[in-house]
Protein backbone atom coordinates (compact mmCIF):
# COMPACT_ATOMS: atom_id res chain seq x y z
CA MET A 1 107.51 100.30 -7.07
CA GLU A 2 109.28 98.12 -9.64
CA GLU A 3 112.68 99.28 -8.30
CA ARG A 4 111.70 98.24 -4.76
CA GLU A 5 110.52 94.82 -5.97
CA GLN A 6 113.83 94.40 -7.79
CA GLU A 7 115.73 95.35 -4.60
CA LEU A 8 113.67 92.84 -2.59
CA ASN A 9 114.40 90.11 -5.16
CA ASN A 10 118.10 90.97 -5.01
CA GLY A 11 118.05 90.49 -1.25
CA GLN A 12 116.37 87.09 -1.28
CA GLY A 13 119.61 85.28 -2.05
CA VAL A 14 121.06 86.18 1.35
CA GLY A 15 118.16 85.02 3.43
CA LEU A 16 120.08 82.16 5.03
CA GLU A 17 121.96 82.95 8.22
CA GLN A 18 125.26 81.59 6.94
CA ASP A 19 125.11 83.80 3.83
CA TYR A 20 125.40 87.11 5.73
CA LYS A 21 128.79 88.80 5.51
CA PHE A 22 128.04 91.33 8.26
CA TYR A 23 126.25 90.75 11.53
CA ALA A 24 124.91 94.29 11.49
CA PHE A 25 124.98 97.51 9.45
CA ILE A 26 125.15 100.82 11.34
CA SER A 27 123.14 103.65 9.81
CA TYR A 28 123.98 107.11 11.11
CA ASN A 29 124.33 110.80 10.32
CA GLN A 30 127.88 112.15 10.02
CA GLN A 31 127.33 114.40 13.04
CA ASP A 32 126.89 111.20 15.10
CA THR A 33 130.06 109.53 13.80
CA ALA A 34 131.57 109.24 17.30
CA TRP A 35 128.50 107.35 18.49
CA GLY A 36 128.63 105.04 15.47
CA LYS A 37 132.26 104.15 16.15
CA ARG A 38 131.50 103.59 19.82
CA VAL A 39 128.59 101.25 19.07
CA GLN A 40 130.66 99.29 16.55
CA ARG A 41 133.48 98.84 19.05
CA LYS A 42 131.14 97.86 21.86
CA LEU A 43 129.30 95.26 19.80
CA GLU A 44 132.33 93.64 18.18
CA HIS A 45 134.11 93.27 21.52
CA TYR A 46 131.14 92.25 23.65
CA ARG A 47 131.94 88.90 25.33
CA MET A 48 128.98 86.63 26.02
CA PRO A 49 128.86 84.15 28.95
CA ALA A 50 130.70 80.93 28.13
CA THR A 51 127.73 78.76 29.13
CA LEU A 52 125.41 80.65 26.79
CA CYS A 53 127.97 80.41 23.98
CA ARG A 54 128.14 76.65 24.41
CA GLU A 55 124.33 76.37 24.36
CA ARG A 56 123.95 78.53 21.24
CA GLY A 57 127.14 77.51 19.43
CA TRP A 58 128.47 81.09 19.51
CA GLN A 59 131.94 82.44 19.76
CA ARG A 60 132.68 84.51 22.86
CA THR A 61 132.32 87.66 20.74
CA PRO A 62 129.48 86.66 18.39
CA ILE A 63 128.44 90.13 17.13
CA LYS A 64 130.99 90.70 14.39
CA PRO A 65 131.79 91.96 11.94
CA VAL A 66 129.70 95.11 12.21
CA PHE A 67 129.72 97.32 9.12
CA PHE A 68 130.40 101.01 9.79
CA ALA A 69 130.93 103.22 6.74
CA PRO A 70 133.94 105.32 7.90
CA THR A 71 136.02 102.15 8.38
CA ASP A 72 134.72 100.13 5.43
CA ILE A 73 133.38 102.38 2.66
CA GLN A 74 133.15 106.07 1.88
CA PRO A 75 129.67 107.46 2.62
CA GLY A 76 127.94 109.54 0.01
CA GLY A 77 124.59 108.17 -1.02
CA LEU A 78 122.84 104.84 -1.45
CA ASN A 79 125.02 103.61 -4.30
CA GLU A 80 125.24 100.01 -5.43
CA GLU A 81 128.18 99.24 -3.18
CA LEU A 82 126.31 100.49 -0.10
CA GLN A 83 123.24 98.52 -1.13
CA GLU A 84 125.38 95.38 -1.30
CA ARG A 85 126.52 96.02 2.25
CA LEU A 86 122.90 96.32 3.37
CA ARG A 87 121.94 93.09 1.58
CA ALA A 88 124.89 91.32 3.22
CA SER A 89 123.92 92.46 6.75
CA ARG A 90 121.78 90.38 9.12
CA HIS A 91 120.64 93.44 11.15
CA LEU A 92 120.32 97.20 10.70
CA ILE A 93 121.21 99.44 13.64
CA VAL A 94 120.03 103.04 13.36
CA ILE A 95 121.82 105.67 15.49
CA CYS A 96 118.84 107.85 16.38
CA SER A 97 119.12 111.59 17.06
CA PRO A 98 117.66 114.82 15.68
CA ASN A 99 120.58 114.69 13.21
CA SER A 100 119.69 111.28 11.81
CA ALA A 101 115.97 112.14 11.92
CA LYS A 102 116.70 114.88 9.35
CA SER A 103 119.06 112.74 7.27
CA GLU A 104 117.82 111.73 3.81
CA TRP A 105 120.35 108.88 3.55
CA VAL A 106 119.45 107.38 6.93
CA GLY A 107 115.85 107.28 5.70
CA LYS A 108 116.91 105.61 2.44
CA GLU A 109 118.90 102.93 4.30
CA ILE A 110 115.94 102.15 6.61
CA GLU A 111 113.60 101.98 3.62
CA PHE A 112 115.97 99.74 1.64
CA PHE A 113 116.42 97.33 4.55
CA HIS A 114 112.66 97.28 5.15
CA HIS A 115 112.02 96.26 1.54
CA LEU A 116 114.55 93.45 1.89
CA GLY A 117 111.96 91.88 4.19
CA ARG A 118 113.96 92.32 7.40
CA THR A 119 111.82 94.86 9.19
CA ASP A 120 111.97 92.82 12.41
CA ARG A 121 115.75 93.17 12.32
CA ILE A 122 115.82 96.97 12.35
CA HIS A 123 117.06 98.19 15.75
CA PHE A 124 117.07 101.76 17.00
CA PHE A 125 119.78 103.09 19.31
CA ILE A 126 118.79 106.51 20.68
CA VAL A 127 121.71 108.81 21.55
CA ASP A 128 119.88 112.14 21.59
CA GLY A 129 116.43 113.64 21.20
CA VAL A 130 112.94 112.50 22.21
CA PRO A 131 111.07 109.58 20.60
CA HIS A 132 107.78 110.56 18.91
CA SER A 133 108.06 114.17 20.11
CA GLY A 134 106.64 115.57 16.86
CA ASN A 135 109.06 118.49 17.15
CA PRO A 136 111.68 118.53 14.35
CA ASP A 137 114.22 120.01 16.75
CA THR A 138 113.93 117.12 19.22
CA GLU A 139 112.47 114.17 17.28
CA CYS A 140 114.99 111.32 17.10
CA PHE A 141 113.18 108.97 14.67
CA ASN A 142 113.48 109.52 10.94
CA PRO A 143 110.08 110.28 9.27
CA ILE A 144 110.46 107.15 7.12
CA VAL A 145 109.64 105.09 10.18
CA HIS A 146 106.11 106.49 10.21
CA GLU A 147 105.77 106.55 6.42
CA LEU A 148 106.54 102.82 6.19
CA GLY A 149 104.22 102.07 9.09
CA LEU A 150 106.92 100.28 11.03
CA PRO A 151 105.82 98.68 14.32
CA GLU A 152 105.66 100.87 17.43
CA ILE A 153 109.19 101.14 18.73
CA LEU A 154 111.14 102.84 21.43
CA GLY A 155 114.67 101.49 21.01
CA ALA A 156 117.57 101.40 23.41
CA ASN A 157 118.03 104.88 24.88
CA VAL A 158 121.38 105.92 26.38
CA ASN A 159 119.68 108.87 28.13
CA GLU A 160 117.02 106.85 29.91
CA LYS A 161 117.32 107.68 33.59
CA ILE A 162 117.20 104.25 35.19
CA TYR A 163 120.34 104.68 37.27
CA ARG A 164 121.91 107.63 39.02
CA TRP A 165 125.08 107.43 36.97
CA PRO A 166 124.85 108.29 33.23
CA TRP A 167 127.53 105.72 32.35
CA MET A 168 125.36 102.95 33.82
CA ASN A 169 122.41 104.07 31.69
CA ARG A 170 124.64 103.98 28.60
CA GLU A 171 125.84 100.46 29.47
CA ARG A 172 122.26 99.34 29.96
CA ALA A 173 121.37 100.66 26.49
CA TYR A 174 124.30 98.74 24.95
CA VAL A 175 123.12 95.52 26.63
CA GLN A 176 119.54 96.15 25.44
CA LEU A 177 120.87 96.36 21.88
CA VAL A 178 122.98 93.22 22.33
CA SER A 179 120.00 91.26 23.67
CA LYS A 180 117.86 92.28 20.68
CA LEU A 181 120.57 91.42 18.17
CA LEU A 182 121.16 87.98 19.70
CA GLY A 183 117.54 87.23 20.57
CA VAL A 184 118.15 86.58 24.26
CA GLU A 185 116.36 87.92 27.33
CA PHE A 186 117.75 91.22 28.53
CA ASP A 187 118.00 90.15 32.18
CA VAL A 188 120.04 87.07 31.29
CA ILE A 189 123.03 89.14 30.24
CA TRP A 190 122.34 92.41 32.10
CA ARG A 191 122.83 90.89 35.57
CA ARG A 192 126.12 89.39 34.46
CA HIS A 193 127.10 92.66 32.80
CA GLN A 194 126.34 94.56 36.02
CA ARG A 195 128.62 92.28 38.01
CA ARG A 196 131.32 92.75 35.40
CA LEU A 197 130.90 96.53 35.58
CA ILE A 198 131.10 96.48 39.38
CA ARG A 199 134.28 94.39 39.29
CA ARG A 200 135.73 96.67 36.64
CA ALA A 201 134.79 99.78 38.63
CA ILE A 202 136.39 98.34 41.77
CA ALA A 203 139.51 97.36 39.85
CA TRP A 204 139.64 100.79 38.21
CA THR A 205 139.19 102.52 41.56
CA LEU A 206 141.86 100.43 43.24
CA GLY A 207 144.16 100.89 40.28
CA THR A 208 143.59 104.63 40.31
CA LEU A 209 144.23 104.80 44.04
CA ALA A 210 147.40 102.75 43.57
CA VAL A 211 148.59 105.08 40.81
CA ILE A 212 147.77 108.14 42.91
CA ALA A 213 149.56 106.61 45.90
CA ALA A 214 152.58 105.81 43.74
CA LEU A 215 152.64 109.34 42.31
CA VAL A 216 152.28 110.85 45.77
CA TRP A 217 155.04 108.59 47.06
CA MET A 218 157.28 109.55 44.14
CA TRP A 219 156.53 113.22 44.73
CA ILE A 220 157.27 112.94 48.44
CA ALA A 221 160.33 110.82 47.81
CA GLY A 222 161.66 113.40 45.37
CA GLN A 223 161.33 116.30 47.78
CA PRO A 224 164.31 117.76 49.69
CA PHE A 225 164.64 116.25 53.14
CA ASP A 226 165.89 117.28 56.56
CA ALA A 227 168.64 115.26 58.20
CA ARG A 228 168.87 115.03 61.99
CA LEU A 229 172.32 114.17 63.30
CA ASN A 230 172.09 112.72 66.80
CA LEU A 231 174.96 112.29 69.27
CA ASN A 232 175.62 109.20 71.34
CA GLU A 233 178.07 109.44 74.24
CA ALA A 234 180.21 106.35 73.75
CA THR A 235 182.19 106.77 76.97
CA VAL A 236 181.09 106.55 80.61
CA HIS A 237 178.76 109.36 81.54
CA ASN A 238 179.97 111.29 84.59
CA GLU A 239 177.58 113.73 86.22
CA GLN A 240 180.50 115.44 88.03
CA LEU A 241 181.91 116.80 84.78
CA PRO A 242 180.60 119.71 82.70
CA PRO A 243 177.90 118.66 80.20
CA LEU A 244 178.29 118.99 76.46
CA HIS A 245 178.13 122.58 75.21
CA ASP A 246 179.11 124.63 72.16
CA ALA A 247 179.40 121.53 69.99
CA VAL A 248 179.92 122.34 66.31
CA VAL A 249 178.72 119.77 63.76
CA THR A 250 179.46 120.13 60.05
CA LEU A 251 178.01 118.17 57.14
CA THR A 252 179.82 118.30 53.80
CA LEU A 253 178.00 117.38 50.57
CA ASP A 254 180.22 117.66 47.51
CA ASN A 255 181.28 121.31 47.64
CA GLU A 256 178.62 122.47 50.10
CA THR A 257 179.14 122.52 53.87
CA LYS A 258 176.31 122.89 56.36
CA VAL A 259 177.02 123.80 60.00
CA ASP A 260 174.93 123.57 63.17
CA THR A 261 175.70 124.18 66.85
CA ILE A 262 174.14 122.25 69.73
CA GLN A 263 174.26 122.80 73.46
CA ALA A 264 173.31 119.43 74.94
CA MET A 265 173.86 115.75 74.29
CA ASP A 266 170.13 115.14 73.76
CA GLU A 267 169.87 117.83 71.10
CA ALA A 268 170.33 117.01 67.42
CA ALA A 269 172.04 118.95 64.68
CA LEU A 270 169.50 119.74 61.99
CA PHE A 271 170.42 120.15 58.34
CA SER A 272 167.47 121.32 56.22
CA ASN A 273 166.56 121.12 52.53
CA ILE A 274 169.09 118.53 51.49
CA PRO A 275 168.51 117.51 47.83
CA HIS A 276 166.90 114.09 47.58
CA ARG A 277 169.78 112.74 45.49
CA TYR A 278 171.95 112.66 48.62
CA LEU A 279 169.60 110.32 50.50
CA ASP A 280 171.37 107.03 51.33
CA LYS A 281 174.61 108.44 49.94
CA THR A 282 177.83 108.92 51.94
CA ALA A 283 178.56 112.31 53.48
CA HIS A 284 181.44 113.78 55.49
CA VAL A 285 180.71 114.75 59.12
CA THR A 286 182.91 116.49 61.68
CA PHE A 287 182.27 117.20 65.37
CA THR A 288 184.16 119.40 67.83
CA ALA A 289 183.24 120.35 71.38
CA PRO A 290 185.07 121.42 74.55
CA ASP A 291 186.23 118.43 76.68
CA PHE A 292 185.37 115.96 73.88
CA LEU A 293 187.54 114.25 71.31
CA PRO A 294 187.04 115.56 67.76
CA VAL A 295 185.23 113.33 65.26
CA ASP A 296 185.97 113.23 61.54
CA THR A 297 183.98 110.49 59.82
CA VAL A 298 181.85 109.42 56.84
CA VAL A 299 178.21 108.44 57.31
CA THR A 300 175.41 107.10 55.11
CA LEU A 301 173.02 110.02 54.99
CA SER A 302 169.41 109.46 56.05
CA ARG A 303 166.73 111.44 57.83
CA ASP A 304 168.16 110.30 61.17
CA VAL A 305 171.87 109.72 61.63
CA THR A 306 173.70 108.96 64.87
CA ILE A 307 177.42 109.33 65.51
CA ASN A 308 179.36 108.27 68.60
CA VAL A 309 181.28 110.91 70.52
CA LYS A 310 183.77 110.38 73.34
CA ARG A 311 184.80 112.62 76.19
CA ASP A 312 188.51 113.43 76.28
CA GLU A 313 189.54 111.54 79.42
CA LYS A 314 192.79 113.53 79.75
CA VAL A 315 191.06 116.86 80.40
CA TYR A 316 189.91 115.94 83.91
CA GLY A 317 191.83 112.71 84.36
CA ALA A 318 195.48 113.70 83.72
CA VAL A 319 196.52 115.30 87.02
CA ARG A 320 199.95 117.03 87.17
CA PHE A 321 201.20 119.59 89.63
CA GLY A 322 204.34 120.45 91.64
CA ILE A 323 204.98 120.27 95.42
CA TRP A 324 206.52 123.59 96.39
CA ASN A 325 208.26 124.55 99.64
CA PRO A 326 208.09 128.33 99.92
CA ARG A 327 210.57 128.44 102.83
CA VAL A 328 213.43 127.14 100.71
CA GLU A 329 211.83 128.16 97.42
CA ALA A 330 212.28 124.73 95.86
CA TYR A 331 210.23 121.76 94.67
CA VAL A 332 210.01 118.90 97.12
CA PRO A 333 210.89 115.45 95.70
CA GLY A 334 209.60 112.19 97.19
CA PHE A 335 206.57 113.90 98.77
CA GLY A 336 203.63 111.55 99.24
CA VAL A 337 200.09 112.80 98.53
CA GLU A 338 196.58 111.45 98.00
CA VAL A 339 194.56 112.97 95.13
CA GLY A 340 190.92 112.03 94.71
CA GLY A 341 191.52 108.83 96.65
CA HIS A 342 194.59 107.88 94.58
CA GLU A 343 198.09 107.91 96.15
CA ALA A 344 201.11 109.37 94.38
CA THR A 345 204.64 110.59 95.17
CA SER A 346 206.42 113.56 93.65
CA ASP A 347 209.34 112.70 91.37
CA ALA A 348 212.92 113.95 91.54
CA ASP A 349 211.74 117.28 90.12
CA GLY A 350 208.98 117.59 92.72
CA GLN A 351 206.23 116.85 90.17
CA VAL A 352 203.20 114.71 90.93
CA SER A 353 201.67 112.87 87.96
CA LEU A 354 198.72 110.44 88.01
CA PHE A 355 195.66 109.49 85.96
CA ILE A 356 192.17 109.23 87.42
CA PRO A 357 189.62 107.00 85.59
CA LEU A 358 186.76 108.78 83.80
CA ALA A 359 184.06 107.45 86.13
CA GLU A 360 185.86 109.05 89.12
CA GLN A 361 186.89 112.31 87.53
CA GLN A 362 185.89 115.66 89.00
CA ARG A 363 186.34 119.30 88.12
CA SER A 364 188.74 119.69 91.12
CA TYR A 365 190.42 117.31 93.51
CA GLN A 366 191.32 117.59 97.21
CA VAL A 367 194.99 116.89 97.89
CA LYS A 368 195.87 115.22 101.18
CA ALA A 369 199.33 114.72 102.77
CA GLN A 370 200.83 113.87 106.16
CA GLN A 371 202.44 117.32 106.25
CA PRO A 372 200.13 120.32 106.39
CA LEU A 373 199.46 122.00 103.03
CA ALA A 374 198.88 125.70 102.45
CA ASP A 375 196.38 124.88 99.64
CA ASP A 376 194.76 121.45 99.41
CA THR A 377 192.74 121.80 96.17
CA ILE A 378 193.88 121.31 92.59
CA HIS A 379 191.53 122.58 89.85
CA MET A 380 191.28 120.83 86.49
CA PRO A 381 192.66 120.96 83.96
CA CYS A 382 196.11 121.41 85.47
CA GLY A 383 199.78 121.15 84.49
CA GLU A 384 203.40 121.74 85.51
CA CYS A 385 202.70 125.35 86.34
CA ASP A 386 200.18 124.38 89.02
CA ILE A 387 201.61 123.91 92.54
CA ILE A 388 200.58 122.80 95.99
CA GLU A 389 202.54 124.55 98.76
CA VAL A 390 203.57 122.87 101.96
CA LYS A 391 203.58 124.81 105.19
């Protein structure tokens, strides 16, 4: 009894608010260390409303420093140094669980703080177990609470099922503890805290979605891609001429060449599984097809590429044949003819040469002359070996 009176006398010198070194002392069992650290961090970083801080003369984070043994002193009994920490603390926070309920040192710290005359500043933060269960396996309050006849208490309970989400119940328990430490009404700061949590949850959700979207985009962007190479007929389209067929398109990437064959102008050459590193890089493309001019060019590779192709106008436009007289077995010079509506005269060697514009070209042309002809059709393409005989 004399020791307790001496302890009480030792604590009287720190009765003034300004004399306290610590805002609170956290008492806990080592098995609840994680909870003790979490409570310390929550309290020291809890930001109060600016208006309330102005009214009370607080800083925005008024609950600090909070003494927690692992970060300030080595635990191991209620030695003089630990007693000094208790004397220098305005409040005592007890992490309540079946572990701390069985802890001798938690009981000693509660008892010591009680005899300092600060019973009304002992706060219980329940992290596990059942209050007043009477079962040693589930009881969360240390027996010293009943032995000292402390007032009926419940404490802030992180497992109280007020909300559907456990994290909301934990946040509510933190705010309950804050309101008791600061002596303000719970609802005053809980409503604000709820709004802050909702904003934080929305921001976290949007941020998470943005990160997921970015990762998905990066994953998609890094995948091999397929390149479609489309053809555009850059010369006059003539329905009388054979359509595009047997076109061979090659795509060369470094030392790799991909080949595709298409059978119509509205088809596209498809090159699959091109490594993503080639996207928007230059690539070598060639095109060959009957009746069309070859293409050998460089393109910027994308998922859709278009190259211009031109029909070879000479194939069906360059008309050349001889006028042959079978009776004398000789070519006839100066012989006038009309081919596809265009007039021409054979030269000194009996050869007729003319060029028909692409829009008027045909696969074969009718040859007309004032003198009867044995054969009046010339089939394209043609050349010096082709003849039209006169009768």
